[in-house]
Amino acid sequence: MNRVVKQDQPPKFWDRLFAPSSCLAVITTVDAQGRANAASYGTCTRVNHEPVYIAFTTSAGKDTANNLLATGEFTVNLPRWERSTLEKVRICGLPFAPGVSEIEKAGFTALPAKVVKPPRILECARHFECRLEWTREWAGGRLMVCGKLVAASVDADCVDDNGYLVWDRALSAHYCGAPYGGGFVAAFQTMFVDRPYEGPEAEQAERDARAMFKEG
């Protein structure tokens, strides 16, 4: 295997690193004994820009939820659009018994995180280390989890010097959902289009964007 160089990202680049705003993710946690768990999710999204918060939904009572409530930490790993990687992502979605390492079962490689205990996954291009902020349980046994980002890292060849993704290397992916039987959608083509409107609302939107995303 070629040596993968992970590059830590400063806080001013964290928001632009998590793009698109919703991604396929492998979320790692650890239990009270320090044993790592990995599970795949198609519900992971960035919900605030500054500071950056990331949210996802899981099943109450499952390993991910239990570990989060016990330790208050999780790491979001965003896989590339690669068949071998996506096959491993699907293995992480299987109902292994508590304490069984999905990372090992899938053939992924655990990489120590920079700040939190849940590991990064080497084969994923981007990593977001979070501390639990709040949870909310929905009807039907779904638990929504929101965490504050405390560290981010990325494969060095996937971002430019200003922290923007190199799309054809980061290769973002989305999960189609259970009804599609394991399908995934690519999300790494980009199209920048004009906004053919010159009214005061457009000027205000530009001012708001500059204020929100000013360079750090």
C-alpha atoms as a PDB file:
ATOM      1  CA  MET A   1       0.000   0.000   0.000  1.00  0.00           C
ATOM      2  CA  ASN A   2       1.248   3.475  -0.833  1.00  0.00           C
ATOM      3  CA  ARG A   3       1.927   5.633   2.192  1.00  0.00           C
ATOM      4  CA  VAL A   4      -1.003   7.931   2.889  1.00  0.00           C
ATOM      5  CA  VAL A   5      -0.155  11.370   4.250  1.00  0.00           C
ATOM      6  CA  LYS A   6      -2.854  12.856   6.464  1.00  0.00           C
ATOM      7  CA  GLN A   7      -2.876  16.645   6.723  1.00  0.00           C
ATOM      8  CA  ASP A   8      -4.372  18.365   9.765  1.00  0.00           C
ATOM      9  CA  GLN A   9      -6.654  21.235   8.829  1.00  0.00           C
ATOM     10  CA  PRO A  10      -6.894  24.518  10.780  1.00  0.00           C
ATOM     11  CA  PRO A  11     -10.319  25.568  12.082  1.00  0.00           C
ATOM     12  CA  LYS A  12     -10.787  28.200   9.352  1.00  0.00           C
ATOM     13  CA  PHE A  13     -10.883  25.373   6.760  1.00  0.00           C
ATOM     14  CA  TRP A  14     -13.137  22.942   8.634  1.00  0.00           C
ATOM     15  CA  ASP A  15     -16.409  24.141   7.127  1.00  0.00           C
ATOM     16  CA  ARG A  16     -15.225  23.947   3.513  1.00  0.00           C
ATOM     17  CA  LEU A  17     -13.711  20.506   4.121  1.00  0.00           C
ATOM     18  CA  PHE A  18     -17.113  18.955   4.902  1.00  0.00           C
ATOM     19  CA  ALA A  19     -18.663  19.331   1.460  1.00  0.00           C
ATOM     20  CA  PRO A  20     -21.199  18.556   0.136  1.00  0.00           C
ATOM     21  CA  SER A  21     -23.124  19.352   3.292  1.00  0.00           C
ATOM     22  CA  SER A  22     -24.395  15.754   3.554  1.00  0.00           C
ATOM     23  CA  CYS A  23     -22.117  12.762   2.930  1.00  0.00           C
ATOM     24  CA  LEU A  24     -21.842   9.016   3.241  1.00  0.00           C
ATOM     25  CA  ALA A  25     -19.900   8.393   6.451  1.00  0.00           C
ATOM     26  CA  VAL A  26     -18.327   5.698   8.557  1.00  0.00           C
ATOM     27  CA  ILE A  27     -18.662   6.812  12.176  1.00  0.00           C
ATOM     28  CA  THR A  28     -16.350   5.372  14.786  1.00  0.00           C
ATOM     29  CA  THR A  29     -16.943   5.293  18.534  1.00  0.00           C
ATOM     30  CA  VAL A  30     -15.412   3.460  21.484  1.00  0.00           C
ATOM     31  CA  ASP A  31     -17.181   1.746  24.344  1.00  0.00           C
ATOM     32  CA  ALA A  32     -16.425   2.149  28.043  1.00  0.00           C
ATOM     33  CA  GLN A  33     -13.710  -0.517  27.721  1.00  0.00           C
ATOM     34  CA  GLY A  34     -12.043   1.358  24.859  1.00  0.00           C
ATOM     35  CA  ARG A  35     -13.092  -1.093  22.127  1.00  0.00           C
ATOM     36  CA  ALA A  36     -13.653   0.580  18.757  1.00  0.00           C
ATOM     37  CA  ASN A  37     -16.897   0.328  16.802  1.00  0.00           C
ATOM     38  CA  ALA A  38     -17.514   1.468  13.219  1.00  0.00           C
ATOM     39  CA  ALA A  39     -20.886   1.906  11.520  1.00  0.00           C
ATOM     40  CA  SER A  40     -21.909   3.310   8.142  1.00  0.00           C
ATOM     41  CA  TYR A  41     -24.442   6.129   7.780  1.00  0.00           C
ATOM     42  CA  GLY A  42     -26.134   7.963   4.945  1.00  0.00           C
ATOM     43  CA  THR A  43     -27.638  10.560   7.311  1.00  0.00           C
ATOM     44  CA  CYS A  44     -24.527  12.523   8.261  1.00  0.00           C
ATOM     45  CA  THR A  45     -24.621  16.272   7.632  1.00  0.00           C
ATOM     46  CA  ARG A  46     -22.962  19.538   8.650  1.00  0.00           C
ATOM     47  CA  VAL A  47     -25.568  21.593  10.499  1.00  0.00           C
ATOM     48  CA  ASN A  48     -23.655  24.754  11.468  1.00  0.00           C
ATOM     49  CA  HIS A  49     -20.818  26.652   9.853  1.00  0.00           C
ATOM     50  CA  GLU A  50     -18.972  28.475  12.625  1.00  0.00           C
ATOM     51  CA  PRO A  51     -18.329  26.719  14.885  1.00  0.00           C
ATOM     52  CA  VAL A  52     -18.794  23.563  12.837  1.00  0.00           C
ATOM     53  CA  TYR A  53     -21.345  21.060  14.134  1.00  0.00           C
ATOM     54  CA  ILE A  54     -22.069  17.680  12.540  1.00  0.00           C
ATOM     55  CA  ALA A  55     -25.220  15.630  13.062  1.00  0.00           C
ATOM     56  CA  PHE A  56     -26.498  12.179  12.123  1.00  0.00           C
ATOM     57  CA  THR A  57     -29.222   9.764  13.154  1.00  0.00           C
ATOM     58  CA  THR A  58     -28.727   6.246  14.477  1.00  0.00           C
ATOM     59  CA  SER A  59     -30.831   3.602  16.185  1.00  0.00           C
ATOM     60  CA  ALA A  60     -31.310   3.973  19.930  1.00  0.00           C
ATOM     61  CA  GLY A  61     -29.881   1.009  21.786  1.00  0.00           C
ATOM     62  CA  LYS A  62     -27.340   0.119  19.086  1.00  0.00           C
ATOM     63  CA  ASP A  63     -23.578   0.121  19.691  1.00  0.00           C
ATOM     64  CA  THR A  64     -23.004   3.579  18.224  1.00  0.00           C
ATOM     65  CA  ALA A  65     -25.690   5.166  20.392  1.00  0.00           C
ATOM     66  CA  ASN A  66     -24.601   3.323  23.528  1.00  0.00           C
ATOM     67  CA  ASN A  67     -20.960   4.230  23.010  1.00  0.00           C
ATOM     68  CA  LEU A  68     -21.749   7.883  22.375  1.00  0.00           C
ATOM     69  CA  LEU A  69     -23.832   8.175  25.504  1.00  0.00           C
ATOM     70  CA  ALA A  70     -21.087   6.470  27.526  1.00  0.00           C
ATOM     71  CA  THR A  71     -18.069   8.399  26.206  1.00  0.00           C
ATOM     72  CA  GLY A  72     -19.347  11.544  24.466  1.00  0.00           C
ATOM     73  CA  GLU A  73     -17.045  11.291  21.430  1.00  0.00           C
ATOM     74  CA  PHE A  74     -17.213  10.164  17.805  1.00  0.00           C
ATOM     75  CA  THR A  75     -15.168  10.450  14.620  1.00  0.00           C
ATOM     76  CA  VAL A  76     -16.745  10.939  11.196  1.00  0.00           C
ATOM     77  CA  ASN A  77     -14.787   9.339   8.342  1.00  0.00           C
ATOM     78  CA  LEU A  78     -15.824  10.170   4.770  1.00  0.00           C
ATOM     79  CA  PRO A  79     -15.021   7.412   2.249  1.00  0.00           C
ATOM     80  CA  ARG A  80     -14.131   7.867  -1.397  1.00  0.00           C
ATOM     81  CA  TRP A  81     -16.180   6.753  -4.396  1.00  0.00           C
ATOM     82  CA  GLU A  82     -14.196   3.535  -4.858  1.00  0.00           C
ATOM     83  CA  ARG A  83     -15.709   0.066  -5.221  1.00  0.00           C
ATOM     84  CA  SER A  84     -13.325  -1.636  -2.775  1.00  0.00           C
ATOM     85  CA  THR A  85     -13.901   1.080  -0.153  1.00  0.00           C
ATOM     86  CA  LEU A  86     -17.681   1.092  -0.583  1.00  0.00           C
ATOM     87  CA  GLU A  87     -17.789  -2.693  -0.211  1.00  0.00           C
ATOM     88  CA  LYS A  88     -16.039  -2.288   3.145  1.00  0.00           C
ATOM     89  CA  VAL A  89     -18.500   0.444   4.098  1.00  0.00           C
ATOM     90  CA  ARG A  90     -21.351  -2.018   3.565  1.00  0.00           C
ATOM     91  CA  ILE A  91     -19.686  -4.564   5.851  1.00  0.00           C
ATOM     92  CA  CYS A  92     -19.586  -1.915   8.601  1.00  0.00           C
ATOM     93  CA  GLY A  93     -23.375  -1.774   8.353  1.00  0.00           C
ATOM     94  CA  LEU A  94     -23.843  -5.395   9.403  1.00  0.00           C
ATOM     95  CA  PRO A  95     -25.217  -6.216  12.903  1.00  0.00           C
ATOM     96  CA  PHE A  96     -22.074  -7.534  14.561  1.00  0.00           C
ATOM     97  CA  ALA A  97     -22.217  -8.306  18.282  1.00  0.00           C
ATOM     98  CA  PRO A  98     -21.035  -5.654  20.772  1.00  0.00           C
ATOM     99  CA  GLY A  99     -17.268  -5.697  21.144  1.00  0.00           C
ATOM    100  CA  VAL A 100     -16.640  -7.098  17.655  1.00  0.00           C
ATOM    101  CA  SER A 101     -14.445  -4.784  15.575  1.00  0.00           C
ATOM    102  CA  GLU A 102     -16.199  -3.801  12.361  1.00  0.00           C
ATOM    103  CA  ILE A 103     -12.960  -2.121  11.324  1.00  0.00           C
ATOM    104  CA  GLU A 104     -11.199  -5.481  11.316  1.00  0.00           C
ATOM    105  CA  LYS A 105     -14.139  -7.387   9.820  1.00  0.00           C
ATOM    106  CA  ALA A 106     -14.324  -4.930   6.919  1.00  0.00           C
ATOM    107  CA  GLY A 107     -10.577  -4.907   6.319  1.00  0.00           C
ATOM    108  CA  PHE A 108     -10.221  -1.216   7.178  1.00  0.00           C
ATOM    109  CA  THR A 109      -7.178   0.148   9.007  1.00  0.00           C
ATOM    110  CA  ALA A 110      -7.587   2.022  12.305  1.00  0.00           C
ATOM    111  CA  LEU A 111      -5.556   5.226  12.612  1.00  0.00           C
ATOM    112  CA  PRO A 112      -5.342   7.053  15.963  1.00  0.00           C
ATOM    113  CA  ALA A 113      -7.353  10.263  16.057  1.00  0.00           C
ATOM    114  CA  LYS A 114      -5.642  13.555  16.891  1.00  0.00           C
ATOM    115  CA  VAL A 115      -7.854  14.677  19.811  1.00  0.00           C
ATOM    116  CA  VAL A 116     -10.578  12.131  20.631  1.00  0.00           C
ATOM    117  CA  LYS A 117     -10.431   8.383  21.358  1.00  0.00           C
ATOM    118  CA  PRO A 118     -12.516   6.969  18.450  1.00  0.00           C
ATOM    119  CA  PRO A 119     -10.023   6.197  15.668  1.00  0.00           C
ATOM    120  CA  ARG A 120      -9.844   7.519  12.160  1.00  0.00           C
ATOM    121  CA  ILE A 121     -10.061   5.071   9.259  1.00  0.00           C
ATOM    122  CA  LEU A 122      -6.970   5.227   7.093  1.00  0.00           C
ATOM    123  CA  GLU A 123      -8.750   4.329   3.840  1.00  0.00           C
ATOM    124  CA  CYS A 124     -11.180   7.260   4.191  1.00  0.00           C
ATOM    125  CA  ALA A 125     -10.028  10.589   2.770  1.00  0.00           C
ATOM    126  CA  ARG A 126     -11.478  12.978   5.373  1.00  0.00           C
ATOM    127  CA  HIS A 127     -11.873  12.808   9.160  1.00  0.00           C
ATOM    128  CA  PHE A 128     -13.908  14.924  11.594  1.00  0.00           C
ATOM    129  CA  GLU A 129     -13.370  14.387  15.313  1.00  0.00           C
ATOM    130  CA  CYS A 130     -16.349  15.458  17.422  1.00  0.00           C
ATOM    131  CA  ARG A 131     -17.450  15.812  21.013  1.00  0.00           C
ATOM    132  CA  LEU A 132     -21.098  15.167  21.749  1.00  0.00           C
ATOM    133  CA  GLU A 133     -23.203  18.327  22.139  1.00  0.00           C
ATOM    134  CA  TRP A 134     -26.731  16.922  22.400  1.00  0.00           C
ATOM    135  CA  THR A 135     -29.017  14.057  21.421  1.00  0.00           C
ATOM    136  CA  ARG A 136     -32.717  13.813  20.660  1.00  0.00           C
ATOM    137  CA  GLU A 137     -34.728  10.621  20.422  1.00  0.00           C
ATOM    138  CA  TRP A 138     -37.382  10.469  17.711  1.00  0.00           C
ATOM    139  CA  ALA A 139     -40.463   8.292  17.574  1.00  0.00           C
ATOM    140  CA  GLY A 140     -39.631   4.887  16.229  1.00  0.00           C
ATOM    141  CA  GLY A 141     -36.388   4.537  18.158  1.00  0.00           C
ATOM    142  CA  ARG A 142     -34.171   6.841  16.100  1.00  0.00           C
ATOM    143  CA  LEU A 143     -31.622   8.951  17.961  1.00  0.00           C
ATOM    144  CA  MET A 144     -30.345  12.215  16.478  1.00  0.00           C
ATOM    145  CA  VAL A 145     -26.787  13.057  17.509  1.00  0.00           C
ATOM    146  CA  CYS A 146     -25.093  16.437  17.212  1.00  0.00           C
ATOM    147  CA  GLY A 147     -21.411  16.967  17.907  1.00  0.00           C
ATOM    148  CA  LYS A 148     -19.012  19.903  17.891  1.00  0.00           C
ATOM    149  CA  LEU A 149     -16.004  19.502  15.625  1.00  0.00           C
ATOM    150  CA  VAL A 150     -12.703  19.633  17.544  1.00  0.00           C
ATOM    151  CA  ALA A 151     -10.220  18.412  14.905  1.00  0.00           C
ATOM    152  CA  ALA A 152     -10.197  17.703  11.174  1.00  0.00           C
ATOM    153  CA  SER A 153      -7.709  16.004   8.880  1.00  0.00           C
ATOM    154  CA  VAL A 154      -7.561  14.976   5.243  1.00  0.00           C
ATOM    155  CA  ASP A 155      -5.420  13.108   2.746  1.00  0.00           C
ATOM    156  CA  ALA A 156      -2.888  15.719   1.688  1.00  0.00           C
ATOM    157  CA  ASP A 157      -3.625  15.336  -2.028  1.00  0.00           C
ATOM    158  CA  CYS A 158      -7.348  16.051  -1.569  1.00  0.00           C
ATOM    159  CA  VAL A 159      -7.171  19.762  -0.670  1.00  0.00           C
ATOM    160  CA  ASP A 160      -5.443  22.833  -2.020  1.00  0.00           C
ATOM    161  CA  ASP A 161      -3.472  25.369   0.012  1.00  0.00           C
ATOM    162  CA  ASN A 162      -6.682  27.235   0.907  1.00  0.00           C
ATOM    163  CA  GLY A 163      -8.416  24.162   2.296  1.00  0.00           C
ATOM    164  CA  TYR A 164     -10.752  23.661  -0.668  1.00  0.00           C
ATOM    165  CA  LEU A 165     -11.441  20.138  -1.840  1.00  0.00           C
ATOM    166  CA  VAL A 166      -9.858  18.785  -4.983  1.00  0.00           C
ATOM    167  CA  TRP A 167     -13.092  17.130  -6.053  1.00  0.00           C
ATOM    168  CA  ASP A 168     -11.725  14.506  -8.425  1.00  0.00           C
ATOM    169  CA  ARG A 169      -9.460  13.227  -5.648  1.00  0.00           C
ATOM    170  CA  ALA A 170     -11.742  13.516  -2.612  1.00  0.00           C
ATOM    171  CA  LEU A 171     -14.453  11.651  -4.587  1.00  0.00           C
ATOM    172  CA  SER A 172     -17.426  12.395  -2.328  1.00  0.00           C
ATOM    173  CA  ALA A 173     -20.142   9.739  -2.148  1.00  0.00           C
ATOM    174  CA  HIS A 174     -23.742   9.492  -0.949  1.00  0.00           C
ATOM    175  CA  TYR A 175     -25.797   6.477   0.075  1.00  0.00           C
ATOM    176  CA  CYS A 176     -29.052   5.992  -1.840  1.00  0.00           C
ATOM    177  CA  GLY A 177     -30.805   4.382   1.144  1.00  0.00           C
ATOM    178  CA  ALA A 178     -32.047   0.934   2.072  1.00  0.00           C
ATOM    179  CA  PRO A 179     -34.847   0.855  -0.552  1.00  0.00           C
ATOM    180  CA  TYR A 180     -32.158   0.961  -3.260  1.00  0.00           C
ATOM    181  CA  GLY A 181     -30.409  -2.153  -1.992  1.00  0.00           C
ATOM    182  CA  GLY A 182     -26.891  -0.886  -1.403  1.00  0.00           C
ATOM    183  CA  GLY A 183     -26.663   1.760  -4.118  1.00  0.00           C
ATOM    184  CA  PHE A 184     -24.337   4.765  -3.910  1.00  0.00           C
ATOM    185  CA  VAL A 185     -24.277   8.075  -5.790  1.00  0.00           C
ATOM    186  CA  ALA A 186     -21.197  10.047  -6.814  1.00  0.00           C
ATOM    187  CA  ALA A 187     -20.983  13.686  -5.759  1.00  0.00           C
ATOM    188  CA  PHE A 188     -17.693  14.974  -7.096  1.00  0.00           C
ATOM    189  CA  GLN A 189     -18.610  16.701 -10.355  1.00  0.00           C
ATOM    190  CA  THR A 190     -18.911  20.457  -9.967  1.00  0.00           C
ATOM    191  CA  MET A 191     -20.753  23.117 -11.952  1.00  0.00           C
ATOM    192  CA  PHE A 192     -20.490  26.802 -11.121  1.00  0.00           C
ATOM    193  CA  VAL A 193     -23.300  28.851 -12.647  1.00  0.00           C
ATOM    194  CA  ASP A 194     -24.167  32.553 -12.803  1.00  0.00           C
ATOM    195  CA  ARG A 195     -27.103  34.001 -10.885  1.00  0.00           C
ATOM    196  CA  PRO A 196     -28.904  36.190 -13.460  1.00  0.00           C
ATOM    197  CA  TYR A 197     -30.485  38.600 -11.016  1.00  0.00           C
ATOM    198  CA  GLU A 198     -29.211  42.039 -10.030  1.00  0.00           C
ATOM    199  CA  GLY A 199     -31.743  43.213  -7.461  1.00  0.00           C
ATOM    200  CA  PRO A 200     -31.012  44.321  -3.883  1.00  0.00           C
ATOM    201  CA  GLU A 201     -31.613  40.806  -2.586  1.00  0.00           C
ATOM    202  CA  ALA A 202     -28.634  39.549  -4.595  1.00  0.00           C
ATOM    203  CA  GLU A 203     -26.425  42.300  -3.189  1.00  0.00           C
ATOM    204  CA  GLN A 204     -27.549  41.474   0.344  1.00  0.00           C
ATOM    205  CA  ALA A 205     -26.849  37.771  -0.209  1.00  0.00           C
ATOM    206  CA  GLU A 206     -23.326  38.627  -1.332  1.00  0.00           C
ATOM    207  CA  ARG A 207     -22.745  40.761   1.777  1.00  0.00           C
ATOM    208  CA  ASP A 208     -24.091  38.011   4.019  1.00  0.00           C
ATOM    209  CA  ALA A 209     -21.872  35.404   2.363  1.00  0.00           C
ATOM    210  CA  ARG A 210     -18.771  37.576   2.714  1.00  0.00           C
ATOM    211  CA  ALA A 211     -19.524  38.143   6.391  1.00  0.00           C
ATOM    212  CA  MET A 212     -20.127  34.453   7.103  1.00  0.00           C
ATOM    213  CA  PHE A 213     -17.232  33.050   5.125  1.00  0.00           C
ATOM    214  CA  LYS A 214     -14.608  35.744   5.585  1.00  0.00           C
ATOM    215  CA  GLU A 215     -11.072  34.424   5.368  1.00  0.00           C
ATOM    216  CA  GLY A 216      -9.518  33.576   8.738  1.00  0.00           C
END
